[in-house]
Amino acid sequence: MTHPPSDDSLSARPPGYRLPPTTHVGTVRLQVADLTRSVAWYERVLGVVVLRQQGSVASLGAAGGTPVLVELHERPGASAVPPRGQLGLFHFALLLPDEPALGRFVTHLESIGERAGASDHLVSEALYLRDPDGLGIEVYADRPRSTWQRQGRELRMDTRPLDLDRVVAAAGGTAWTGMPADTVMGHVHLQVGDVEASVPFYHAALGLDKTVWSYPGALFLSAGGYHHHLGVNEWAGPAARPAPPGGARLLEWTLVLPSPADVAAALASLAAGGYRADDGRVADPWGTVLHLMSTGQG
């Protein structure tokens, strides 16, 4: 799924290097305590399938789909995410193709007794879950881009109650049969120690546009005019710490750029900002690893 090129009159573009407009989020890699337990939950609740498994690593995606959405790495006995959260992953977000698919998913969750939060963000409609290790997951559908609203150069986003009855009605009574084949990883949302301190890395050096910057305690960024490929927030509070190496956590998330030359340009911009990359991987100021790759890799 691609997003139309951005309108430069909207959003705040970075001061130098800017990521290509077709940049999108790729595979998210997670560390979990029990691979068998996690795979069973992801299959039953999210409706994904195991695309391949080798030892303690399982790659999950939609049946009939091509991209690996989530890669689970087992670390036996990994501690669960604490209730107050930790720096790193807030949630990863699976983007369904349309509102009817989201309606089918709502009905599916009700049928299996799985509880979820729900929000209307104006640009999208979202459900929120936690996996067996406490890792956050969003499943959402976008509203048509023609309905998105602006305040000056800034996109309007909010968190309002979601009209679940209307979403379910959009499905027209059709049943959920698993994660749709054209589901993609829509965005990643991270908890950071300080939102303003994230700007030099994600905006100035990496080259993401700022799209929403007045949301309390959070910042949203994207490439190509999308509402956000990345959210960062400081809601975990000043005492929050990164996930321990032996805990359930985000190992890395991926941004996919059009070509190897684009990856090289992004890495050069990061290096100029003082951020060292190794094999296309670079850590943000709080240790969260981003993997830059080009279309066709992985």
Protein backbone atom coordinates (compact mmCIF):
# COMPACT_ATOMS: atom_id res chain seq x y z
CA MET A 1 0.00 0.00 0.00
CA THR A 2 1.48 3.33 -1.04
CA HIS A 3 0.58 6.83 0.04
CA PRO A 4 0.23 9.79 -2.36
CA PRO A 5 3.06 12.35 -2.39
CA SER A 6 2.87 15.02 0.25
CA ASP A 7 1.72 18.59 -0.21
CA ASP A 8 4.63 20.76 0.92
CA SER A 9 2.20 23.40 2.22
CA LEU A 10 1.13 20.89 4.87
CA SER A 11 3.24 19.43 7.71
CA ALA A 12 6.67 20.60 8.84
CA ARG A 13 9.43 19.25 6.62
CA PRO A 14 12.88 18.51 8.06
CA PRO A 15 15.60 21.15 7.74
CA GLY A 16 17.79 19.02 5.45
CA TYR A 17 17.43 15.48 4.19
CA ARG A 18 13.86 14.29 3.63
CA LEU A 19 12.81 10.65 3.28
CA PRO A 20 11.28 9.64 -0.08
CA PRO A 21 7.47 9.93 -0.18
CA THR A 22 6.95 6.18 -0.76
CA THR A 23 8.81 5.24 2.45
CA HIS A 24 6.73 2.89 4.59
CA VAL A 25 6.98 0.77 7.72
CA GLY A 26 8.03 -2.86 7.37
CA THR A 27 8.52 -5.80 9.70
CA VAL A 28 8.43 -5.34 13.46
CA ARG A 29 10.64 -7.74 15.46
CA LEU A 30 9.62 -8.60 19.01
CA GLN A 31 11.12 -10.60 21.88
CA VAL A 32 8.63 -12.86 23.65
CA ALA A 33 8.78 -15.32 26.53
CA ASP A 34 7.08 -18.35 24.96
CA LEU A 35 6.96 -18.72 21.19
CA THR A 36 4.28 -21.42 21.18
CA ARG A 37 1.99 -19.34 23.40
CA SER A 38 2.53 -16.18 21.37
CA VAL A 39 2.02 -17.83 17.98
CA ALA A 40 -1.23 -19.40 19.19
CA TRP A 41 -2.48 -16.01 20.43
CA TYR A 42 -1.52 -14.13 17.25
CA GLU A 43 -3.21 -16.77 15.10
CA ARG A 44 -6.38 -16.93 17.20
CA VAL A 45 -6.81 -13.22 17.93
CA LEU A 46 -5.23 -11.40 14.98
CA GLY A 47 -5.91 -14.04 12.35
CA VAL A 48 -2.34 -14.12 11.02
CA VAL A 49 -0.49 -17.29 10.01
CA VAL A 50 3.07 -18.54 10.35
CA LEU A 51 4.79 -17.80 7.06
CA ARG A 52 7.98 -19.52 8.18
CA GLN A 53 9.58 -20.72 11.39
CA GLN A 54 13.16 -21.58 12.16
CA GLY A 55 14.07 -22.61 15.65
CA SER A 56 13.06 -19.94 18.11
CA VAL A 57 11.99 -17.40 15.45
CA ALA A 58 8.55 -17.28 13.79
CA SER A 59 7.57 -14.92 10.96
CA LEU A 60 3.89 -14.00 10.86
CA GLY A 61 1.73 -12.42 8.18
CA ALA A 62 -1.63 -12.60 6.49
CA ALA A 63 -2.57 -15.77 4.62
CA GLY A 64 -2.01 -15.04 0.95
CA GLY A 65 -0.07 -11.87 1.77
CA THR A 66 3.58 -11.34 0.94
CA PRO A 67 5.11 -9.17 3.68
CA VAL A 68 6.22 -10.47 7.04
CA LEU A 69 4.33 -8.23 9.44
CA VAL A 70 5.69 -9.46 12.77
CA GLU A 71 8.71 -11.58 13.60
CA LEU A 72 8.69 -13.21 17.05
CA HIS A 73 11.97 -14.14 18.74
CA GLU A 74 11.70 -16.38 21.78
CA ARG A 75 13.69 -15.69 24.93
CA PRO A 76 12.43 -18.23 27.47
CA GLY A 77 11.29 -16.62 30.69
CA ALA A 78 11.38 -13.06 29.34
CA SER A 79 9.72 -10.72 31.82
CA ALA A 80 6.41 -9.17 30.77
CA VAL A 81 5.98 -5.48 30.05
CA PRO A 82 5.27 -3.70 33.37
CA PRO A 83 1.80 -2.18 33.82
CA ARG A 84 3.13 1.39 33.72
CA GLY A 85 5.01 0.69 30.52
CA GLN A 86 8.62 1.16 29.52
CA LEU A 87 10.64 3.03 26.93
CA GLY A 88 10.53 1.47 23.49
CA LEU A 89 7.37 0.01 22.03
CA PHE A 90 4.04 1.62 22.85
CA HIS A 91 2.34 -0.30 20.07
CA PHE A 92 2.78 -1.47 16.50
CA ALA A 93 -0.17 -0.87 14.21
CA LEU A 94 -1.63 -3.19 11.59
CA LEU A 95 -3.47 -1.27 8.87
CA LEU A 96 -6.52 -3.06 7.46
CA PRO A 97 -7.66 -2.24 3.91
CA ASP A 98 -10.97 -0.61 4.86
CA GLU A 99 -13.65 -0.02 7.48
CA PRO A 100 -15.66 -3.18 6.62
CA ALA A 101 -12.57 -5.26 7.47
CA LEU A 102 -12.33 -3.46 10.81
CA GLY A 103 -16.01 -4.17 11.43
CA ARG A 104 -15.45 -7.88 10.78
CA PHE A 105 -12.51 -7.80 13.20
CA VAL A 106 -14.66 -6.19 15.92
CA THR A 107 -17.24 -8.96 15.56
CA HIS A 108 -14.48 -11.58 15.64
CA LEU A 109 -13.06 -10.22 18.91
CA GLU A 110 -16.51 -10.29 20.46
CA SER A 111 -17.03 -13.89 19.34
CA ILE A 112 -13.84 -15.11 21.03
CA GLY A 113 -14.26 -12.94 24.15
CA GLU A 114 -11.14 -10.86 23.55
CA ARG A 115 -11.30 -7.40 25.05
CA ALA A 116 -9.94 -4.36 23.23
CA GLY A 117 -9.86 -0.60 23.58
CA ALA A 118 -11.32 1.52 20.79
CA SER A 119 -10.70 5.08 19.60
CA ASP A 120 -11.68 7.44 16.81
CA HIS A 121 -8.63 9.48 15.78
CA LEU A 122 -10.43 11.50 13.07
CA VAL A 123 -8.00 10.25 10.42
CA SER A 124 -8.50 6.62 11.42
CA GLU A 125 -10.52 4.20 13.54
CA ALA A 126 -8.57 1.94 15.87
CA LEU A 127 -8.72 -1.01 18.24
CA TYR A 128 -6.07 -1.65 20.87
CA LEU A 129 -4.92 -4.96 22.36
CA ARG A 130 -2.03 -6.44 24.32
CA ASP A 131 -0.40 -9.73 23.50
CA PRO A 132 0.43 -12.37 26.16
CA ASP A 133 3.64 -10.52 27.10
CA GLY A 134 1.92 -7.13 27.41
CA LEU A 135 3.22 -5.76 24.11
CA GLY A 136 0.88 -3.19 22.58
CA ILE A 137 -0.94 -3.73 19.29
CA GLU A 138 -3.22 -1.47 17.27
CA VAL A 139 -5.46 -2.74 14.48
CA TYR A 140 -6.94 0.12 12.47
CA ALA A 141 -8.49 1.38 9.27
CA ASP A 142 -7.88 4.78 7.72
CA ARG A 143 -10.59 7.22 6.82
CA PRO A 144 -10.43 8.58 3.26
CA ARG A 145 -7.68 11.14 2.97
CA SER A 146 -10.17 13.62 1.53
CA THR A 147 -11.84 13.78 4.97
CA TRP A 148 -8.68 14.59 6.93
CA GLN A 149 -8.78 18.04 8.48
CA ARG A 150 -6.03 20.60 9.06
CA GLN A 151 -5.31 23.43 11.43
CA GLY A 152 -2.85 25.56 9.52
CA ARG A 153 0.01 23.26 8.48
CA GLU A 154 -0.83 20.70 11.16
CA LEU A 155 -3.03 17.66 10.69
CA ARG A 156 -5.93 17.30 13.12
CA MET A 157 -5.86 14.13 15.20
CA ASP A 158 -7.75 13.38 18.39
CA THR A 159 -8.75 10.49 20.64
CA ARG A 160 -12.53 10.15 20.81
CA PRO A 161 -14.94 7.27 21.51
CA LEU A 162 -15.36 4.99 18.52
CA ASP A 163 -18.88 4.24 17.28
CA LEU A 164 -18.49 0.46 17.27
CA ASP A 165 -22.06 -0.16 16.11
CA ARG A 166 -21.43 1.88 12.97
CA VAL A 167 -18.11 0.12 12.34
CA VAL A 168 -19.72 -3.30 12.71
CA ALA A 169 -22.59 -2.24 10.40
CA ALA A 170 -20.03 -1.34 7.72
CA ALA A 171 -19.12 -5.04 7.49
CA GLY A 172 -22.59 -5.82 6.18
CA GLY A 173 -22.84 -9.02 8.18
CA THR A 174 -19.87 -10.70 6.48
CA ALA A 175 -17.68 -12.89 8.68
CA TRP A 176 -14.05 -12.47 9.66
CA THR A 177 -11.92 -15.08 7.88
CA GLY A 178 -8.51 -13.97 9.08
CA MET A 179 -6.22 -11.02 8.51
CA PRO A 180 -6.84 -9.68 4.97
CA ALA A 181 -4.06 -10.39 2.49
CA ASP A 182 -3.48 -6.66 1.82
CA THR A 183 -2.94 -5.77 5.48
CA VAL A 184 0.29 -3.81 6.02
CA MET A 185 2.25 -2.45 8.96
CA GLY A 186 0.82 1.04 9.08
CA HIS A 187 2.88 2.67 11.79
CA VAL A 188 4.88 2.21 14.97
CA HIS A 189 4.37 4.20 18.16
CA LEU A 190 7.24 4.49 20.63
CA GLN A 191 7.65 5.69 24.20
CA VAL A 192 10.63 8.01 24.58
CA GLY A 193 12.19 9.85 27.47
CA ASP A 194 11.51 13.29 26.02
CA VAL A 195 9.52 14.17 22.91
CA GLU A 196 11.56 17.27 22.11
CA ALA A 197 14.77 15.26 22.42
CA SER A 198 13.45 12.89 19.75
CA VAL A 199 13.23 15.67 17.14
CA PRO A 200 16.97 15.84 16.28
CA PHE A 201 16.98 12.09 15.56
CA TYR A 202 13.65 11.34 13.88
CA HIS A 203 12.95 14.68 12.19
CA ALA A 204 16.24 16.45 11.55
CA ALA A 205 18.56 13.48 10.92
CA LEU A 206 16.28 10.67 9.72
CA GLY A 207 14.17 13.04 7.64
CA LEU A 208 10.57 12.39 8.66
CA ASP A 209 8.07 15.25 8.35
CA LYS A 210 6.29 16.39 11.50
CA THR A 211 2.53 16.09 10.95
CA VAL A 212 1.02 16.60 14.44
CA TRP A 213 3.02 18.47 17.08
CA SER A 214 0.46 19.97 19.46
CA TYR A 215 -0.97 16.67 20.74
CA PRO A 216 -0.32 16.58 24.52
CA GLY A 217 2.91 14.73 25.27
CA ALA A 218 3.27 13.26 21.79
CA LEU A 219 4.60 13.93 18.30
CA PHE A 220 3.57 12.28 15.03
CA LEU A 221 5.81 12.04 11.95
CA SER A 222 5.58 10.57 8.46
CA ALA A 223 6.86 10.44 4.91
CA GLY A 224 4.77 11.18 1.84
CA GLY A 225 1.91 13.02 3.53
CA TYR A 226 0.57 10.07 5.55
CA HIS A 227 -0.92 10.94 8.96
CA HIS A 228 1.93 9.10 10.69
CA HIS A 229 4.39 6.30 10.18
CA LEU A 230 5.82 7.03 13.62
CA GLY A 231 4.38 8.32 16.87
CA VAL A 232 6.51 9.14 19.91
CA ASN A 233 5.21 9.96 23.36
CA GLU A 234 6.51 10.64 26.86
CA TRP A 235 3.45 9.30 28.66
CA ALA A 236 5.42 6.66 30.59
CA GLY A 237 6.77 9.48 32.74
CA PRO A 238 10.25 10.63 33.79
CA ALA A 239 10.97 7.45 35.73
CA ALA A 240 10.47 5.16 32.72
CA ARG A 241 13.42 3.05 31.67
CA PRO A 242 14.22 1.01 28.55
CA ALA A 243 13.06 -2.58 28.48
CA PRO A 244 15.66 -4.91 30.03
CA PRO A 245 17.58 -7.16 27.62
CA GLY A 246 15.82 -10.18 29.13
CA GLY A 247 12.34 -8.71 28.89
CA ALA A 248 9.55 -8.78 26.35
CA ARG A 249 10.32 -5.87 24.06
CA LEU A 250 10.72 -4.42 20.61
CA LEU A 251 13.99 -5.66 19.13
CA GLU A 252 13.77 -3.44 16.06
CA TRP A 253 11.34 -1.88 13.63
CA THR A 254 11.86 -1.32 9.93
CA LEU A 255 11.49 1.52 7.47
CA VAL A 256 11.46 0.47 3.82
CA LEU A 257 12.85 2.96 1.30
CA PRO A 258 12.58 2.72 -2.49
CA SER A 259 16.23 1.89 -3.31
CA PRO A 260 19.66 1.13 -1.85
CA ALA A 261 20.72 4.66 -2.85
CA ASP A 262 17.90 6.07 -0.71
CA VAL A 263 19.03 3.94 2.24
CA ALA A 264 22.59 5.21 1.80
CA ALA A 265 21.36 8.82 1.73
CA ALA A 266 19.33 8.35 4.91
CA LEU A 267 22.25 6.70 6.69
CA ALA A 268 24.54 9.53 5.59
CA SER A 269 22.11 12.08 7.02
CA LEU A 270 21.98 10.16 10.31
CA ALA A 271 25.77 9.97 10.42
CA ALA A 272 26.01 13.72 9.83
CA GLY A 273 23.76 14.15 12.85
CA GLY A 274 26.10 12.05 14.97
CA TYR A 275 24.12 8.79 14.90
CA ARG A 276 26.14 5.72 14.05
CA ALA A 277 24.64 2.95 11.95
CA ASP A 278 25.73 -0.67 11.70
CA ASP A 279 24.44 -2.83 8.83
CA GLY A 280 21.60 -0.40 8.21
CA ARG A 281 20.59 -0.35 11.88
CA VAL A 282 20.72 2.71 14.10
CA ALA A 283 19.57 3.25 17.69
CA ASP A 284 17.57 6.28 18.81
CA PRO A 285 18.67 8.16 21.97
CA TRP A 286 16.83 5.62 24.16
CA GLY A 287 18.23 2.53 22.50
CA THR A 288 15.30 1.62 20.24
CA VAL A 289 16.73 0.12 17.04
CA LEU A 290 15.53 1.20 13.60
CA HIS A 291 16.48 -0.90 10.57
CA LEU A 292 16.61 0.94 7.24
CA MET A 293 16.26 -1.25 4.17
CA SER A 294 15.20 -0.95 0.55
CA THR A 295 12.28 -2.48 -1.31
CA GLY A 296 12.97 -6.11 -2.11
CA GLN A 297 15.37 -6.69 0.79
CA GLY A 298 14.57 -9.02 3.68
